[in-house]
N, C-alpha and C. Protein backbone atom coordinates (compact mmCIF):
# COMPACT_ATOMS: atom_id res chain seq x y z
N MET A 1 0.89 -1.14 0.01
CA MET A 1 -0.09 -0.13 0.06
C MET A 1 0.91 1.35 -0.10
N ASN A 2 0.70 2.15 -0.87
CA ASN A 2 1.51 3.24 -1.10
C ASN A 2 1.17 4.32 0.24
N VAL A 3 1.94 5.49 0.45
CA VAL A 3 1.71 6.27 1.61
C VAL A 3 0.41 6.98 1.31
N LYS A 4 0.05 7.48 -0.04
CA LYS A 4 -1.11 8.17 -0.10
C LYS A 4 -2.33 7.48 0.37
N LYS A 5 -2.44 6.12 -0.15
CA LYS A 5 -3.73 5.24 0.23
C LYS A 5 -3.59 5.10 1.77
N ARG A 6 -2.54 4.86 2.36
CA ARG A 6 -2.32 4.60 3.78
C ARG A 6 -2.99 5.74 4.53
N SER A 7 -2.52 6.87 4.02
CA SER A 7 -2.80 8.44 4.73
C SER A 7 -4.50 8.48 4.78
N SER A 8 -5.06 8.13 3.44
CA SER A 8 -6.39 8.29 3.46
C SER A 8 -7.24 7.24 4.21
N ALA A 9 -6.80 6.00 4.26
CA ALA A 9 -7.37 4.93 5.08
C ALA A 9 -7.43 5.46 6.59
N CYS A 10 -6.09 6.13 6.95
CA CYS A 10 -6.13 6.45 8.30
C CYS A 10 -7.11 7.60 8.74
N LEU A 11 -7.30 8.61 7.76
CA LEU A 11 -8.21 9.78 8.05
C LEU A 11 -9.60 9.18 8.09
N CYS A 12 -9.85 8.11 7.20
CA CYS A 12 -11.19 7.80 7.35
C CYS A 12 -11.61 7.15 8.46
N LEU A 13 -10.55 6.36 8.91
CA LEU A 13 -10.88 5.42 10.32
C LEU A 13 -10.84 6.57 11.35
N ILE A 14 -10.10 7.49 11.46
CA ILE A 14 -10.25 8.44 12.42
C ILE A 14 -11.65 9.24 12.46
N GLY A 15 -12.11 9.67 11.38
CA GLY A 15 -13.21 10.45 11.04
C GLY A 15 -14.50 9.59 11.42
N ALA A 16 -14.37 8.23 11.11
CA ALA A 16 -15.32 7.32 11.61
C ALA A 16 -15.59 7.08 13.24
N ALA A 17 -14.34 7.12 13.78
CA ALA A 17 -14.32 6.92 15.15
C ALA A 17 -14.97 8.19 15.74
N LEU A 18 -14.75 9.42 15.19
CA LEU A 18 -15.10 10.62 15.88
C LEU A 18 -16.44 10.80 15.55
N LEU A 19 -17.13 10.36 14.73
CA LEU A 19 -18.50 10.75 14.31
C LEU A 19 -19.44 10.31 15.40
N PRO A 20 -19.73 9.19 15.84
CA PRO A 20 -20.69 8.71 16.94
C PRO A 20 -20.61 9.74 18.10
N GLY A 21 -19.29 10.01 18.69
CA GLY A 21 -19.19 11.01 19.74
C GLY A 21 -19.76 12.52 19.59
N CYS A 22 -19.58 12.98 18.37
CA CYS A 22 -20.07 14.39 17.90
C CYS A 22 -21.55 14.41 17.78
N ALA A 23 -22.17 13.18 17.44
CA ALA A 23 -23.57 13.33 17.08
C ALA A 23 -24.56 13.34 18.33
N LYS A 24 -23.94 12.89 19.32
CA LYS A 24 -24.70 12.66 20.52
C LYS A 24 -24.88 13.79 21.42
N GLY A 25 -26.11 14.06 21.65
CA GLY A 25 -26.46 15.38 22.37
C GLY A 25 -27.04 14.87 23.76
N PRO A 26 -27.05 15.91 24.66
CA PRO A 26 -27.91 15.38 25.96
C PRO A 26 -29.31 15.04 25.69
N PRO A 27 -29.90 14.14 26.64
CA PRO A 27 -31.21 13.78 26.56
C PRO A 27 -32.22 15.25 26.72
N VAL A 28 -33.36 15.03 26.23
CA VAL A 28 -34.25 16.13 26.18
C VAL A 28 -35.24 16.07 27.37
N VAL A 29 -35.24 17.02 28.26
CA VAL A 29 -36.06 16.90 29.55
C VAL A 29 -37.59 17.56 29.35
N THR A 30 -38.52 17.15 29.62
CA THR A 30 -40.07 17.87 29.42
C THR A 30 -40.66 17.53 30.68
N GLU A 31 -41.45 18.56 31.12
CA GLU A 31 -42.36 18.72 32.17
C GLU A 31 -43.37 17.16 32.31
N ALA A 32 -43.19 16.83 33.49
CA ALA A 32 -43.88 15.48 33.76
C ALA A 32 -44.48 15.51 35.16
N GLU A 33 -45.81 15.12 35.49
CA GLU A 33 -46.37 15.05 36.65
C GLU A 33 -47.35 13.93 36.27
N GLY A 34 -48.13 13.63 37.41
CA GLY A 34 -49.08 12.70 37.47
C GLY A 34 -49.75 12.30 38.61
N ARG A 35 -50.31 11.08 38.84
CA ARG A 35 -51.15 10.47 40.02
C ARG A 35 -50.49 8.96 40.12
N VAL A 36 -50.87 8.76 41.45
CA VAL A 36 -50.34 7.44 41.84
C VAL A 36 -51.75 6.79 42.30
N LEU A 37 -52.26 5.71 41.66
CA LEU A 37 -53.39 5.11 42.25
C LEU A 37 -52.85 3.56 42.65
N LEU A 38 -53.48 3.23 43.89
CA LEU A 38 -53.12 1.90 44.43
C LEU A 38 -54.52 1.13 44.53
N ASP A 39 -54.82 0.28 44.04
CA ASP A 39 -56.26 -0.49 43.78
C ASP A 39 -57.13 0.61 43.44
N GLY A 40 -57.02 1.49 42.72
CA GLY A 40 -58.00 2.29 42.28
C GLY A 40 -58.18 3.65 43.26
N ARG A 41 -57.40 3.59 44.34
CA ARG A 41 -57.46 4.81 45.15
C ARG A 41 -56.07 5.52 45.30
N PRO A 42 -56.15 7.00 45.55
CA PRO A 42 -54.81 7.69 45.66
C PRO A 42 -53.98 7.19 46.66
N LEU A 43 -52.43 7.13 46.32
CA LEU A 43 -51.66 6.85 47.27
C LEU A 43 -50.73 7.88 47.74
N PRO A 44 -51.17 8.37 48.90
CA PRO A 44 -50.40 9.46 49.41
C PRO A 44 -48.94 9.40 50.08
N SER A 45 -48.30 10.43 50.31
CA SER A 45 -46.93 10.24 50.98
C SER A 45 -46.19 9.28 50.39
N ALA A 46 -45.91 9.20 49.12
CA ALA A 46 -44.88 8.09 48.56
C ALA A 46 -44.05 8.72 47.66
N SER A 47 -43.02 8.15 47.58
CA SER A 47 -41.89 8.60 46.75
C SER A 47 -41.77 7.94 45.44
N VAL A 48 -41.64 8.75 44.19
CA VAL A 48 -42.00 8.05 42.94
C VAL A 48 -40.72 8.55 42.12
N GLN A 49 -39.95 7.37 41.50
CA GLN A 49 -38.80 7.59 40.82
C GLN A 49 -39.07 7.13 39.47
N PHE A 50 -38.55 7.93 38.56
CA PHE A 50 -38.59 7.71 36.91
C PHE A 50 -36.85 7.44 36.61
N ILE A 51 -36.64 6.17 36.18
CA ILE A 51 -35.40 5.68 35.95
C ILE A 51 -35.25 5.45 34.48
N PRO A 52 -34.71 6.41 33.73
CA PRO A 52 -34.76 6.35 32.09
C PRO A 52 -33.95 5.01 31.82
N GLN A 53 -34.30 4.50 30.58
CA GLN A 53 -33.34 3.56 29.96
C GLN A 53 -32.67 4.12 28.84
N LEU A 54 -31.51 4.66 29.45
CA LEU A 54 -30.52 5.37 28.55
C LEU A 54 -29.19 4.79 28.56
N ASP A 55 -28.55 4.46 27.39
CA ASP A 55 -27.30 3.98 27.40
C ASP A 55 -26.41 5.15 27.13
N GLY A 56 -25.29 4.97 28.30
CA GLY A 56 -24.26 5.91 28.11
C GLY A 56 -24.50 7.30 29.15
N TYR A 57 -25.51 6.98 29.78
CA TYR A 57 -25.88 8.44 30.81
C TYR A 57 -26.00 7.48 31.92
N GLY A 58 -25.87 8.49 33.14
CA GLY A 58 -26.00 8.14 34.52
C GLY A 58 -27.09 8.46 35.34
N ALA A 59 -27.19 8.23 36.56
CA ALA A 59 -28.43 8.44 37.37
C ALA A 59 -28.62 9.94 37.61
N GLU A 60 -27.86 11.02 36.89
CA GLU A 60 -28.13 12.40 36.85
C GLU A 60 -29.34 12.62 36.24
N TRP A 61 -29.66 11.69 35.38
CA TRP A 61 -31.02 11.70 34.46
C TRP A 61 -32.26 11.34 35.07
N ASN A 62 -32.09 10.64 36.24
CA ASN A 62 -33.15 10.13 37.03
C ASN A 62 -34.11 11.36 37.46
N SER A 63 -35.52 10.84 37.54
CA SER A 63 -36.28 12.04 38.24
C SER A 63 -37.18 11.34 39.15
N ALA A 64 -37.53 12.57 39.97
CA ALA A 64 -38.12 11.93 41.45
C ALA A 64 -39.28 12.88 41.87
N GLY A 65 -40.26 12.64 42.63
CA GLY A 65 -41.16 13.46 43.20
C GLY A 65 -41.87 12.56 44.32
N PHE A 66 -42.91 13.46 45.06
CA PHE A 66 -43.39 12.80 46.29
C PHE A 66 -44.93 13.00 45.99
N THR A 67 -45.78 12.05 46.46
CA THR A 67 -47.19 12.34 46.18
C THR A 67 -47.73 13.05 47.23
N ASP A 68 -48.70 13.82 46.92
CA ASP A 68 -49.69 14.59 47.92
C ASP A 68 -50.79 13.80 48.60
N ALA A 69 -51.68 14.32 49.28
CA ALA A 69 -52.87 13.69 49.81
C ALA A 69 -53.74 12.94 48.64
N ASP A 70 -53.73 13.55 47.51
CA ASP A 70 -54.68 13.04 46.41
C ASP A 70 -53.60 12.15 45.42
N GLY A 71 -52.57 11.77 45.80
CA GLY A 71 -51.67 10.57 45.12
C GLY A 71 -50.91 11.63 43.77
N LYS A 72 -51.08 12.84 43.73
CA LYS A 72 -50.50 13.59 42.77
C LYS A 72 -48.93 13.94 42.87
N PHE A 73 -48.25 13.93 41.96
CA PHE A 73 -46.86 14.29 42.07
C PHE A 73 -46.19 15.27 40.78
N GLN A 74 -45.29 15.89 41.17
CA GLN A 74 -44.60 16.52 40.04
C GLN A 74 -43.21 16.15 40.18
N LEU A 75 -42.52 15.64 39.09
CA LEU A 75 -41.17 15.26 38.80
C LEU A 75 -40.09 16.28 38.78
N LYS A 76 -38.86 16.06 39.24
CA LYS A 76 -37.84 16.83 39.03
C LYS A 76 -36.52 16.00 38.61
N CYS A 77 -35.88 16.36 37.52
CA CYS A 77 -34.74 15.61 37.14
C CYS A 77 -33.66 15.97 38.12
N ALA A 78 -32.94 14.95 38.41
CA ALA A 78 -31.64 15.14 39.17
C ALA A 78 -30.84 16.12 38.77
N LEU A 79 -30.33 16.11 37.59
CA LEU A 79 -29.50 17.13 36.78
C LEU A 79 -30.18 18.61 37.10
N LYS A 80 -29.26 19.39 37.59
CA LYS A 80 -29.76 20.76 37.86
C LYS A 80 -31.05 21.11 38.38
N ASN A 81 -31.68 19.80 39.08
CA ASN A 81 -32.90 20.03 39.71
C ASN A 81 -34.12 20.71 38.74
N GLN A 82 -33.94 20.42 37.53
CA GLN A 82 -34.89 20.76 36.58
C GLN A 82 -36.28 20.46 36.42
N PRO A 83 -37.32 20.83 36.47
CA PRO A 83 -38.70 20.36 36.49
C PRO A 83 -38.96 19.21 35.16
N GLY A 84 -39.46 18.12 35.59
CA GLY A 84 -39.61 17.14 34.43
C GLY A 84 -38.94 15.70 34.36
N ALA A 85 -38.89 15.12 33.34
CA ALA A 85 -38.28 13.71 33.17
C ALA A 85 -37.61 13.80 31.56
N VAL A 86 -36.86 12.87 31.45
CA VAL A 86 -36.11 12.66 30.11
C VAL A 86 -37.37 12.04 29.26
N VAL A 87 -37.09 12.38 27.89
CA VAL A 87 -38.26 11.74 27.06
C VAL A 87 -37.80 10.60 26.74
N GLY A 88 -38.58 9.50 27.10
CA GLY A 88 -38.12 8.11 26.61
C GLY A 88 -38.54 6.98 27.55
N ALA A 89 -38.35 5.86 27.31
CA ALA A 89 -38.81 4.70 28.30
C ALA A 89 -38.07 4.91 29.78
N HIS A 90 -38.91 4.60 30.72
CA HIS A 90 -38.63 4.83 31.95
C HIS A 90 -39.11 3.45 32.90
N TRP A 91 -38.47 2.91 33.88
CA TRP A 91 -38.91 2.20 34.88
C TRP A 91 -39.28 3.08 35.95
N VAL A 92 -40.25 2.65 36.64
CA VAL A 92 -40.98 3.48 37.75
C VAL A 92 -40.86 2.75 39.14
N VAL A 93 -40.31 3.49 40.05
CA VAL A 93 -40.21 2.78 41.51
C VAL A 93 -40.81 3.81 42.26
N VAL A 94 -41.93 3.06 43.03
CA VAL A 94 -42.52 3.70 44.28
C VAL A 94 -42.36 3.01 45.45
N THR A 95 -41.98 3.89 46.33
CA THR A 95 -41.84 3.59 47.89
C THR A 95 -42.34 4.40 48.87
N GLU A 96 -42.16 4.05 50.27
CA GLU A 96 -42.51 4.97 51.06
C GLU A 96 -41.49 6.14 51.26
N MET A 97 -42.15 7.33 51.46
CA MET A 97 -40.92 8.56 51.72
C MET A 97 -40.21 8.11 52.90
N ALA A 98 -38.97 8.81 52.91
CA ALA A 98 -38.00 8.79 53.90
C ALA A 98 -38.94 9.13 55.40
N ILE A 99 -38.34 8.66 56.35
CA ILE A 99 -38.95 8.76 57.82
C ILE A 99 -38.84 10.43 58.09
N PRO A 100 -39.87 10.97 58.25
CA PRO A 100 -39.76 12.41 58.84
C PRO A 100 -38.73 12.54 59.98
N GLY A 101 -38.23 13.63 59.98
CA GLY A 101 -37.19 13.92 61.04
C GLY A 101 -37.65 13.77 62.40
N GLU A 102 -38.70 14.21 62.56
CA GLU A 102 -39.29 14.33 64.17
C GLU A 102 -39.74 12.90 64.65
N TYR A 103 -39.57 11.98 63.85
CA TYR A 103 -39.81 10.49 64.15
C TYR A 103 -38.65 9.67 64.30
N ARG A 104 -37.33 10.06 64.14
CA ARG A 104 -36.19 9.36 63.93
C ARG A 104 -35.55 8.92 65.33
N SER A 105 -36.09 9.71 66.19
CA SER A 105 -35.26 9.15 67.49
C SER A 105 -35.96 8.06 68.35
N GLN A 106 -35.27 7.35 69.31
CA GLN A 106 -35.96 6.29 69.67
C GLN A 106 -37.11 6.68 70.71
N GLU A 107 -37.07 7.67 71.25
CA GLU A 107 -38.31 8.28 72.08
C GLU A 107 -39.57 8.59 71.15
N ASN A 108 -39.31 8.59 69.99
CA ASN A 108 -40.65 8.81 69.10
C ASN A 108 -41.01 7.74 68.29
N GLN A 109 -40.77 6.50 68.61
CA GLN A 109 -41.10 5.25 67.87
C GLN A 109 -42.78 5.10 67.91
N GLY A 110 -43.23 5.45 69.09
CA GLY A 110 -44.68 5.15 69.26
C GLY A 110 -45.43 6.36 68.46
N ARG A 111 -44.75 7.50 68.22
CA ARG A 111 -45.44 8.44 67.41
C ARG A 111 -45.18 8.08 66.00
N TYR A 112 -44.22 7.47 65.65
CA TYR A 112 -43.81 6.98 64.22
C TYR A 112 -44.80 5.87 64.21
N GLU A 113 -45.16 5.06 64.98
CA GLU A 113 -46.04 3.76 64.51
C GLU A 113 -47.57 4.53 64.37
N LYS A 114 -47.77 5.57 65.06
CA LYS A 114 -49.12 6.21 64.75
C LYS A 114 -49.17 6.74 63.38
N TYR A 115 -48.00 7.44 63.16
CA TYR A 115 -47.82 8.01 61.82
C TYR A 115 -48.39 7.25 60.54
N LEU A 116 -47.29 5.99 60.68
CA LEU A 116 -47.28 4.76 59.65
C LEU A 116 -48.94 4.37 59.63
N THR A 117 -49.51 4.04 60.56
CA THR A 117 -51.00 3.77 60.52
C THR A 117 -51.85 4.70 59.88
N SER A 118 -51.51 5.98 60.00
CA SER A 118 -52.39 6.91 59.69
C SER A 118 -52.40 7.31 58.13
N LEU A 119 -51.38 6.73 57.51
CA LEU A 119 -51.11 6.82 56.09
C LEU A 119 -52.25 5.90 55.34
N ALA A 120 -52.82 6.45 54.39
CA ALA A 120 -53.88 5.87 53.68
C ALA A 120 -53.32 4.83 52.77
N ASN A 121 -54.21 3.93 52.26
CA ASN A 121 -53.95 3.03 51.24
C ASN A 121 -52.46 2.26 51.61
N ARG A 122 -52.32 1.70 52.58
CA ARG A 122 -51.04 1.12 52.81
C ARG A 122 -51.28 -0.56 53.05
N PRO A 123 -50.13 -1.46 52.96
CA PRO A 123 -49.05 -1.05 52.40
C PRO A 123 -48.70 -0.97 50.96
N ILE A 124 -47.53 -0.47 50.63
CA ILE A 124 -47.31 -0.42 49.17
C ILE A 124 -46.94 -1.74 48.86
N PRO A 125 -47.20 -2.29 47.79
CA PRO A 125 -46.79 -3.58 47.47
C PRO A 125 -45.11 -3.69 47.17
N THR A 126 -44.39 -4.63 47.75
CA THR A 126 -42.87 -4.29 47.71
C THR A 126 -42.21 -4.69 46.43
N GLU A 127 -43.02 -5.17 45.08
CA GLU A 127 -42.50 -5.40 43.95
C GLU A 127 -42.35 -3.99 43.34
N TYR A 128 -42.96 -2.92 43.67
CA TYR A 128 -42.93 -1.43 43.00
C TYR A 128 -41.90 -0.88 43.65
N GLY A 129 -41.16 -1.28 44.69
CA GLY A 129 -40.09 -0.60 45.31
C GLY A 129 -38.66 -0.87 44.88
N GLU A 130 -38.30 -1.66 44.07
CA GLU A 130 -37.09 -2.08 43.33
C GLU A 130 -36.92 -1.96 41.80
N LEU A 131 -35.96 -1.50 41.29
CA LEU A 131 -35.93 -1.41 39.87
C LEU A 131 -36.00 -2.92 39.21
N ARG A 132 -35.44 -3.79 40.04
CA ARG A 132 -35.37 -5.10 39.35
C ARG A 132 -36.52 -5.71 39.29
N THR A 133 -37.66 -5.36 40.06
CA THR A 133 -38.79 -6.07 40.10
C THR A 133 -39.93 -5.30 39.73
N THR A 134 -39.89 -3.78 39.59
CA THR A 134 -41.34 -3.19 39.42
C THR A 134 -41.78 -3.49 37.84
N PRO A 135 -42.99 -3.59 38.08
CA PRO A 135 -43.65 -3.86 36.69
C PRO A 135 -44.15 -2.70 36.15
N LEU A 136 -43.88 -1.60 36.55
CA LEU A 136 -44.21 -0.20 36.25
C LEU A 136 -43.36 0.33 35.08
N LYS A 137 -43.69 0.44 33.79
CA LYS A 137 -42.97 1.31 32.77
C LYS A 137 -43.74 2.25 32.10
N VAL A 138 -43.00 3.56 31.90
CA VAL A 138 -43.73 4.66 31.36
C VAL A 138 -43.04 5.04 30.19
N GLU A 139 -43.44 5.51 29.11
CA GLU A 139 -42.86 6.31 28.01
C GLU A 139 -43.22 7.77 28.36
N VAL A 140 -42.42 8.60 28.49
CA VAL A 140 -42.29 9.99 28.71
C VAL A 140 -42.18 10.58 27.18
N LYS A 141 -43.21 11.34 26.87
CA LYS A 141 -43.29 11.88 25.56
C LYS A 141 -43.40 13.57 25.63
N LYS A 142 -42.54 14.04 24.56
CA LYS A 142 -42.43 15.43 24.74
C LYS A 142 -44.08 15.98 24.00
N GLY A 143 -44.58 16.90 24.93
CA GLY A 143 -46.03 17.25 24.80
C GLY A 143 -47.14 16.67 25.57
N GLN A 144 -46.61 15.53 26.30
CA GLN A 144 -47.47 14.97 27.31
C GLN A 144 -46.89 15.31 28.64
N LYS A 145 -47.84 15.65 29.51
CA LYS A 145 -47.27 16.25 30.85
C LYS A 145 -47.84 15.50 31.82
N THR A 146 -48.95 14.67 31.70
CA THR A 146 -49.58 14.10 32.70
C THR A 146 -49.48 12.36 32.54
N TYR A 147 -49.19 11.84 33.70
CA TYR A 147 -48.99 10.26 33.53
C TYR A 147 -49.79 9.72 35.00
N GLU A 148 -50.75 8.72 34.51
CA GLU A 148 -51.25 8.01 35.75
C GLU A 148 -50.53 6.66 36.01
N LEU A 149 -50.26 6.48 37.13
CA LEU A 149 -49.56 5.15 37.51
C LEU A 149 -50.43 4.23 38.48
N THR A 150 -50.69 3.20 37.76
CA THR A 150 -51.63 2.27 38.52
C THR A 150 -51.04 1.13 39.13
N LEU A 151 -51.20 1.08 40.45
CA LEU A 151 -50.41 -0.12 41.14
C LEU A 151 -51.54 -1.09 41.48
N LYS A 152 -51.31 -2.13 41.69
CA LYS A 152 -52.12 -3.13 42.26
C LYS A 152 -51.58 -4.26 43.38
N ARG A 153 -52.29 -4.60 44.32
CA ARG A 153 -51.90 -5.63 45.28
C ARG A 153 -52.22 -6.95 44.73
N GLY A 154 -51.44 -7.98 45.16
CA GLY A 154 -51.37 -9.28 44.56
C GLY A 154 -50.55 -9.50 43.32
N PRO A 155 -50.59 -10.69 42.82
CA PRO A 155 -49.57 -10.75 41.76
C PRO A 155 -49.50 -10.06 40.62
N THR A 156 -48.47 -9.47 40.20
CA THR A 156 -48.46 -8.54 39.00
C THR A 156 -47.88 -9.26 37.83
N GLY A 157 -47.45 -10.48 37.99
CA GLY A 157 -46.90 -11.09 37.03
C GLY A 157 -45.47 -11.47 37.09
N PRO A 158 -44.73 -12.13 36.20
CA PRO A 158 -43.35 -12.69 36.48
C PRO A 158 -42.42 -11.33 36.66
N MET A 159 -41.20 -11.47 37.45
CA MET A 159 -40.32 -10.56 37.69
C MET A 159 -39.43 -10.32 36.53
N ARG A 160 -39.07 -9.10 36.14
CA ARG A 160 -38.12 -8.80 35.19
C ARG A 160 -36.94 -9.42 35.40
N GLY A 161 -36.26 -9.91 34.43
CA GLY A 161 -34.88 -10.51 34.24
C GLY A 161 -33.81 -9.59 34.04
N ASP A 162 -33.94 -8.30 33.70
CA ASP A 162 -32.78 -7.48 33.19
C ASP A 162 -32.38 -6.46 34.26
């Protein structure tokens, strides 16, 4: 192979290697909110996490929110705490909110027990609480702001293997 052909081949390889990296831009974030229902009733005081199925991006693109008394939530993306979620497919995890600070001491265990029993529509089924087992999947779309999450007690089907 002569020098001219070798140089052209090298330039082509370098150009091809650089192209995929140049074309990739950050994911698009759009406003997202919704409501969580468990067995048809609002699920208050719950944590909601949308975990996007993005290759090559990290947890900074996850979004989270908390439900109010009517089960409504608004998501915020972890990156720059911006409102919404990344456009695309998400696994959704729903768990109990963190223990409120006033109940964290040993002396307040009795008050914490009362607090837990006061929460409506409990317990949250455990399969919704882990990424590897949640059956909830949502496609966030640009232009669609509201999403309804429907949780059910009892068997929800086979566990995901991925």
